[in-house]
Amino acid sequence: MGRCDAHAGQFDLEADEFVPLPKGDVHKRRDVVQDVTLHDLDAANARPAGGADLAAALAAAARPRKTEITDRLRAEVNRVVDKYIDSGVAELVPGVLFIDEVHALDAECFAFLGRALESPLAPTVILATNRGLARVRGGGGISPHGVPVDLLDRLVIVRTAPPTPAEAAQVLALRAAVEGVALDAPALAALAAAAGDASLRHAVGLLSPAAVLARAAGRESVTDADVASARSLFWDAKTSAAALAAGAGGYVT
């Protein structure tokens, strides 16, 4: 605002105009933003109250008691959260729940998921599986992707495709950089070919043994010969199954 006239004679202040010192109290406002999950609220409300003194609090910490999070408790917490959201105190940020190998769940888990998805506070659920027609565990029926039909009708299915050689090479190059494995261009092409013949996961698994073979030969970079040696030592599932079907013995998969 300008130079203060209360200190004009105390300091060497050069100003065309002096302003008076403001009077009154200084008002401060602090906004605290805290990220809390619904599970944190459920667990906090389900925890029994501790003792009134320090000894009782230490004893409670040494012997923690667990209380079940019931449906009634969840409904009460959801009601309080809805009240905070309506009043503008809180903001709901939907999360993402990713469940891999969803065909391994049983019928009771699918029933719980189907009921939980009906809640307005439910997160975005992503289910991943590589099964076609599979039996639902605990249900006894055959269903697409191993997921019950009633839950499958609520989902949006995203079609996936195997990676192209260029995409596989890009993924393998990134993975090699993470693991600190130096690859030359022929080795990267050989690994991309292994990903196309078997799977990308098998090609990623060949990085470590190929690096060991390269170090044993005194090389700092992995070559296509190292990749070929690693593929001969470590089989993929298709090669192993074909060898077993042909009656080859003496191999451990």
Protein backbone atom coordinates (compact mmCIF):
# COMPACT_ATOMS: atom_id res chain seq x y z
CA MET A 1 0.00 0.00 0.00
CA GLY A 2 2.96 2.29 0.59
CA ARG A 3 5.46 3.49 3.18
CA CYS A 4 4.20 3.52 6.76
CA ASP A 5 4.14 6.95 8.42
CA ALA A 6 4.62 5.41 11.89
CA HIS A 7 8.21 4.49 11.01
CA ALA A 8 9.05 7.46 8.83
CA GLY A 9 11.47 8.90 11.43
CA GLN A 10 13.14 5.60 12.31
CA PHE A 11 14.36 4.51 8.90
CA ASP A 12 15.63 6.13 5.78
CA LEU A 13 12.36 5.89 3.90
CA GLU A 14 11.99 7.69 0.63
CA ALA A 15 8.41 8.03 -0.48
CA ASP A 16 6.20 10.66 -2.04
CA GLU A 17 3.32 9.72 0.23
CA PHE A 18 3.06 7.85 3.53
CA VAL A 19 0.08 5.73 4.55
CA PRO A 20 -1.15 5.10 8.09
CA LEU A 21 -0.58 1.80 9.83
CA PRO A 22 -3.68 -0.40 9.53
CA LYS A 23 -5.58 -0.97 12.75
CA GLY A 24 -7.62 -3.95 13.94
CA ASP A 25 -7.23 -7.71 14.08
CA VAL A 26 -5.84 -9.86 11.31
CA HIS A 27 -8.31 -12.53 10.30
CA LYS A 28 -6.97 -15.81 8.95
CA ARG A 29 -8.80 -18.63 7.27
CA ARG A 30 -7.37 -22.11 6.79
CA ASP A 31 -8.88 -24.75 4.52
CA VAL A 32 -7.81 -28.31 5.31
CA VAL A 33 -8.33 -30.86 2.53
CA GLN A 34 -8.00 -34.52 3.52
CA ASP A 35 -8.42 -37.57 1.32
CA VAL A 36 -10.32 -40.33 3.14
CA THR A 37 -11.63 -43.54 1.65
CA LEU A 38 -14.97 -45.03 2.58
CA HIS A 39 -13.16 -48.03 4.04
CA ASP A 40 -11.21 -45.71 6.34
CA LEU A 41 -14.49 -44.26 7.61
CA ASP A 42 -15.97 -47.74 8.08
CA ALA A 43 -12.90 -48.94 9.99
CA ALA A 44 -12.78 -45.81 12.15
CA ASN A 45 -16.44 -46.11 13.14
CA ALA A 46 -16.14 -49.86 13.76
CA ARG A 47 -13.14 -49.50 16.09
CA PRO A 48 -14.14 -49.74 19.76
CA ALA A 49 -13.55 -46.68 21.94
CA GLY A 50 -10.28 -46.68 23.89
CA GLY A 51 -9.68 -46.08 27.57
CA ALA A 52 -9.72 -42.74 29.34
CA ASP A 53 -6.15 -42.81 30.61
CA LEU A 54 -2.75 -43.47 29.05
CA ALA A 55 -2.35 -46.94 30.53
CA ALA A 56 -5.65 -48.07 29.11
CA ALA A 57 -4.77 -46.58 25.71
CA LEU A 58 -1.41 -48.41 25.66
CA ALA A 59 -3.11 -51.65 26.67
CA ALA A 60 -5.67 -51.21 23.92
CA ALA A 61 -2.90 -50.59 21.39
CA ALA A 62 -1.05 -53.72 22.51
CA ARG A 63 -4.20 -55.84 22.23
CA PRO A 64 -6.18 -54.36 19.34
CA ARG A 65 -9.77 -55.47 19.11
CA LYS A 66 -11.44 -56.03 15.80
CA THR A 67 -15.08 -55.33 15.13
CA GLU A 68 -16.98 -56.49 12.09
CA ILE A 69 -18.06 -53.84 9.61
CA THR A 70 -21.75 -54.64 9.27
CA ASP A 71 -24.19 -53.54 6.59
CA ARG A 72 -25.90 -51.29 9.12
CA LEU A 73 -22.62 -49.52 9.84
CA ARG A 74 -21.93 -49.07 6.12
CA ALA A 75 -25.41 -47.63 5.59
CA GLU A 76 -24.90 -45.18 8.44
CA VAL A 77 -21.51 -44.07 7.09
CA ASN A 78 -22.99 -43.67 3.61
CA ARG A 79 -25.79 -41.53 5.05
CA VAL A 80 -23.28 -39.23 6.76
CA VAL A 81 -21.17 -39.02 3.60
CA ASP A 82 -24.24 -38.11 1.52
CA LYS A 83 -25.04 -35.38 4.05
CA TYR A 84 -21.53 -33.94 3.77
CA ILE A 85 -21.70 -34.02 -0.03
CA ASP A 86 -25.09 -32.27 -0.10
CA SER A 87 -23.84 -29.54 2.25
CA GLY A 88 -20.70 -28.98 0.19
CA VAL A 89 -18.29 -30.01 2.94
CA ALA A 90 -17.05 -33.09 1.09
CA GLU A 91 -16.60 -34.11 -2.53
CA LEU A 92 -16.88 -37.66 -3.77
CA VAL A 93 -14.06 -38.71 -6.09
CA PRO A 94 -14.88 -42.13 -7.60
CA GLY A 95 -12.00 -44.60 -7.47
CA VAL A 96 -11.08 -47.48 -9.73
CA LEU A 97 -11.15 -51.12 -8.60
CA PHE A 98 -9.16 -53.40 -10.94
CA ILE A 99 -9.68 -57.14 -10.47
CA ASP A 100 -7.35 -59.34 -12.51
CA GLU A 101 -8.07 -63.03 -13.20
CA VAL A 102 -11.70 -62.45 -12.35
CA HIS A 103 -12.61 -66.01 -13.39
CA ALA A 104 -10.96 -67.18 -10.14
CA LEU A 105 -13.76 -65.63 -8.05
CA ASP A 106 -16.65 -67.79 -6.89
CA ALA A 107 -20.39 -67.24 -7.11
CA GLU A 108 -20.60 -65.55 -3.70
CA CYS A 109 -17.97 -62.99 -4.69
CA PHE A 110 -19.85 -62.23 -7.90
CA ALA A 111 -23.08 -61.81 -5.92
CA PHE A 112 -21.35 -59.35 -3.58
CA LEU A 113 -19.93 -57.40 -6.54
CA GLY A 114 -23.33 -57.24 -8.21
CA ARG A 115 -24.87 -55.81 -5.06
CA ALA A 116 -22.02 -53.38 -4.40
CA LEU A 117 -22.21 -51.97 -7.93
CA GLU A 118 -25.77 -50.79 -7.24
CA SER A 119 -24.54 -48.31 -4.62
CA PRO A 120 -24.20 -44.67 -5.78
CA LEU A 121 -20.83 -44.57 -3.98
CA ALA A 122 -19.45 -47.54 -5.93
CA PRO A 123 -16.15 -47.07 -7.76
CA THR A 124 -15.45 -47.83 -11.40
CA VAL A 125 -14.84 -51.59 -11.54
CA ILE A 126 -12.60 -53.13 -14.23
CA LEU A 127 -12.58 -56.92 -14.57
CA ALA A 128 -9.83 -58.66 -16.54
CA THR A 129 -9.76 -62.27 -17.71
CA ASN A 130 -8.42 -64.34 -20.59
CA ARG A 131 -10.98 -67.15 -20.42
CA GLY A 132 -13.61 -67.96 -22.99
CA LEU A 133 -16.37 -70.32 -21.86
CA ALA A 134 -15.51 -71.36 -18.31
CA ARG A 135 -17.25 -72.80 -15.29
CA VAL A 136 -18.24 -70.40 -12.54
CA ARG A 137 -16.64 -71.53 -9.31
CA GLY A 138 -19.22 -72.42 -6.71
CA GLY A 139 -22.05 -72.10 -9.21
CA GLY A 140 -21.61 -75.19 -11.34
CA GLY A 141 -22.64 -73.55 -14.61
CA ILE A 142 -20.77 -72.65 -17.77
CA SER A 143 -20.67 -68.94 -18.51
CA PRO A 144 -18.73 -66.67 -20.88
CA HIS A 145 -15.42 -65.57 -19.36
CA GLY A 146 -16.26 -67.42 -16.15
CA VAL A 147 -18.55 -64.56 -15.04
CA PRO A 148 -22.25 -65.13 -14.23
CA VAL A 149 -24.59 -63.93 -16.94
CA ASP A 150 -26.56 -61.61 -14.63
CA LEU A 151 -23.36 -59.72 -13.77
CA LEU A 152 -22.04 -59.93 -17.32
CA ASP A 153 -25.14 -58.09 -18.60
CA ARG A 154 -24.16 -55.05 -16.52
CA LEU A 155 -20.67 -54.85 -17.97
CA VAL A 156 -19.25 -53.22 -21.07
CA ILE A 157 -16.85 -55.67 -22.71
CA VAL A 158 -13.70 -54.20 -24.24
CA ARG A 159 -12.17 -56.34 -26.95
CA THR A 160 -8.41 -56.75 -26.72
CA ALA A 161 -5.98 -58.01 -29.35
CA PRO A 162 -2.48 -59.48 -29.16
CA PRO A 163 0.27 -56.87 -29.46
CA THR A 164 1.80 -56.27 -32.83
CA PRO A 165 5.55 -56.90 -33.29
CA ALA A 166 6.22 -53.17 -33.06
CA GLU A 167 4.19 -52.84 -29.86
CA ALA A 168 5.86 -55.92 -28.36
CA ALA A 169 9.29 -54.50 -29.19
CA GLN A 170 8.37 -51.22 -27.54
CA VAL A 171 7.17 -52.95 -24.36
CA LEU A 172 10.26 -55.16 -24.26
CA ALA A 173 12.57 -52.17 -24.70
CA LEU A 174 10.90 -50.39 -21.78
CA ARG A 175 11.09 -53.49 -19.62
CA ALA A 176 14.74 -54.01 -20.48
CA ALA A 177 15.49 -50.42 -19.48
CA VAL A 178 13.74 -50.97 -16.13
CA GLU A 179 15.70 -54.16 -15.44
CA GLY A 180 18.96 -52.62 -16.65
CA VAL A 181 19.46 -55.09 -19.51
CA ALA A 182 21.27 -53.81 -22.61
CA LEU A 183 19.82 -55.17 -25.85
CA ASP A 184 21.06 -54.80 -29.38
CA ALA A 185 18.65 -54.52 -32.31
CA PRO A 186 18.78 -58.22 -33.34
CA ALA A 187 18.15 -59.31 -29.74
CA LEU A 188 15.14 -57.02 -29.47
CA ALA A 189 13.79 -58.41 -32.74
CA ALA A 190 14.34 -61.97 -31.50
CA LEU A 191 12.45 -61.21 -28.28
CA ALA A 192 9.61 -59.62 -30.25
CA ALA A 193 9.45 -62.80 -32.38
CA ALA A 194 9.31 -64.87 -29.18
CA ALA A 195 6.42 -62.73 -27.99
CA GLY A 196 4.57 -63.46 -31.22
CA ASP A 197 5.29 -67.20 -31.09
CA ALA A 198 4.51 -67.66 -27.39
CA SER A 199 3.40 -64.65 -25.35
CA LEU A 200 4.65 -61.26 -24.30
CA ARG A 201 4.96 -62.47 -20.71
CA HIS A 202 7.27 -65.29 -21.83
CA ALA A 203 9.39 -62.84 -23.82
CA VAL A 204 9.73 -60.60 -20.77
CA GLY A 205 10.75 -63.64 -18.74
CA LEU A 206 13.59 -64.34 -21.18
CA LEU A 207 15.29 -61.03 -20.41
CA SER A 208 16.96 -62.15 -17.17
CA PRO A 209 18.35 -65.52 -18.40
CA ALA A 210 19.54 -63.90 -21.64
CA ALA A 211 21.37 -61.25 -19.61
CA VAL A 212 22.98 -63.98 -17.47
CA LEU A 213 24.14 -65.82 -20.60
CA ALA A 214 25.57 -62.60 -22.03
CA ARG A 215 27.52 -61.86 -18.83
CA ALA A 216 28.80 -65.45 -18.74
CA ALA A 217 30.15 -64.96 -22.27
CA GLY A 218 31.82 -61.69 -21.29
CA ARG A 219 29.44 -59.39 -23.16
CA GLU A 220 27.72 -56.34 -21.76
CA SER A 221 24.91 -56.38 -24.33
CA VAL A 222 22.48 -59.20 -25.05
CA THR A 223 22.60 -60.58 -28.60
CA ASP A 224 20.15 -62.68 -30.58
CA ALA A 225 22.31 -65.75 -29.86
CA ASP A 226 21.73 -65.25 -26.13
CA VAL A 227 18.00 -65.00 -26.73
CA ALA A 228 18.07 -68.22 -28.79
CA SER A 229 20.01 -70.01 -26.03
CA ALA A 230 17.54 -68.79 -23.41
CA ARG A 231 14.60 -69.99 -25.52
CA SER A 232 16.19 -73.43 -25.82
CA LEU A 233 16.66 -73.65 -22.05
CA PHE A 234 13.36 -72.14 -20.92
CA TRP A 235 10.26 -73.26 -22.77
CA ASP A 236 6.93 -71.55 -23.02
CA ALA A 237 3.66 -73.28 -22.21
CA LYS A 238 2.83 -74.15 -25.84
CA THR A 239 6.22 -75.75 -26.51
CA SER A 240 6.11 -77.68 -23.26
CA ALA A 241 2.59 -78.96 -23.95
CA ALA A 242 3.58 -80.02 -27.47
CA ALA A 243 6.62 -81.89 -26.13
CA LEU A 244 4.52 -83.69 -23.52
CA ALA A 245 1.95 -84.61 -26.15
CA ALA A 246 4.72 -86.01 -28.33
CA GLY A 247 5.98 -88.16 -25.46
CA ALA A 248 9.21 -86.32 -24.71
CA GLY A 249 10.42 -86.99 -21.20
CA GLY A 250 13.01 -85.68 -18.83
CA TYR A 251 11.92 -82.06 -18.91
CA VAL A 252 10.79 -80.00 -15.93
CA THR A 253 8.31 -77.22 -16.73
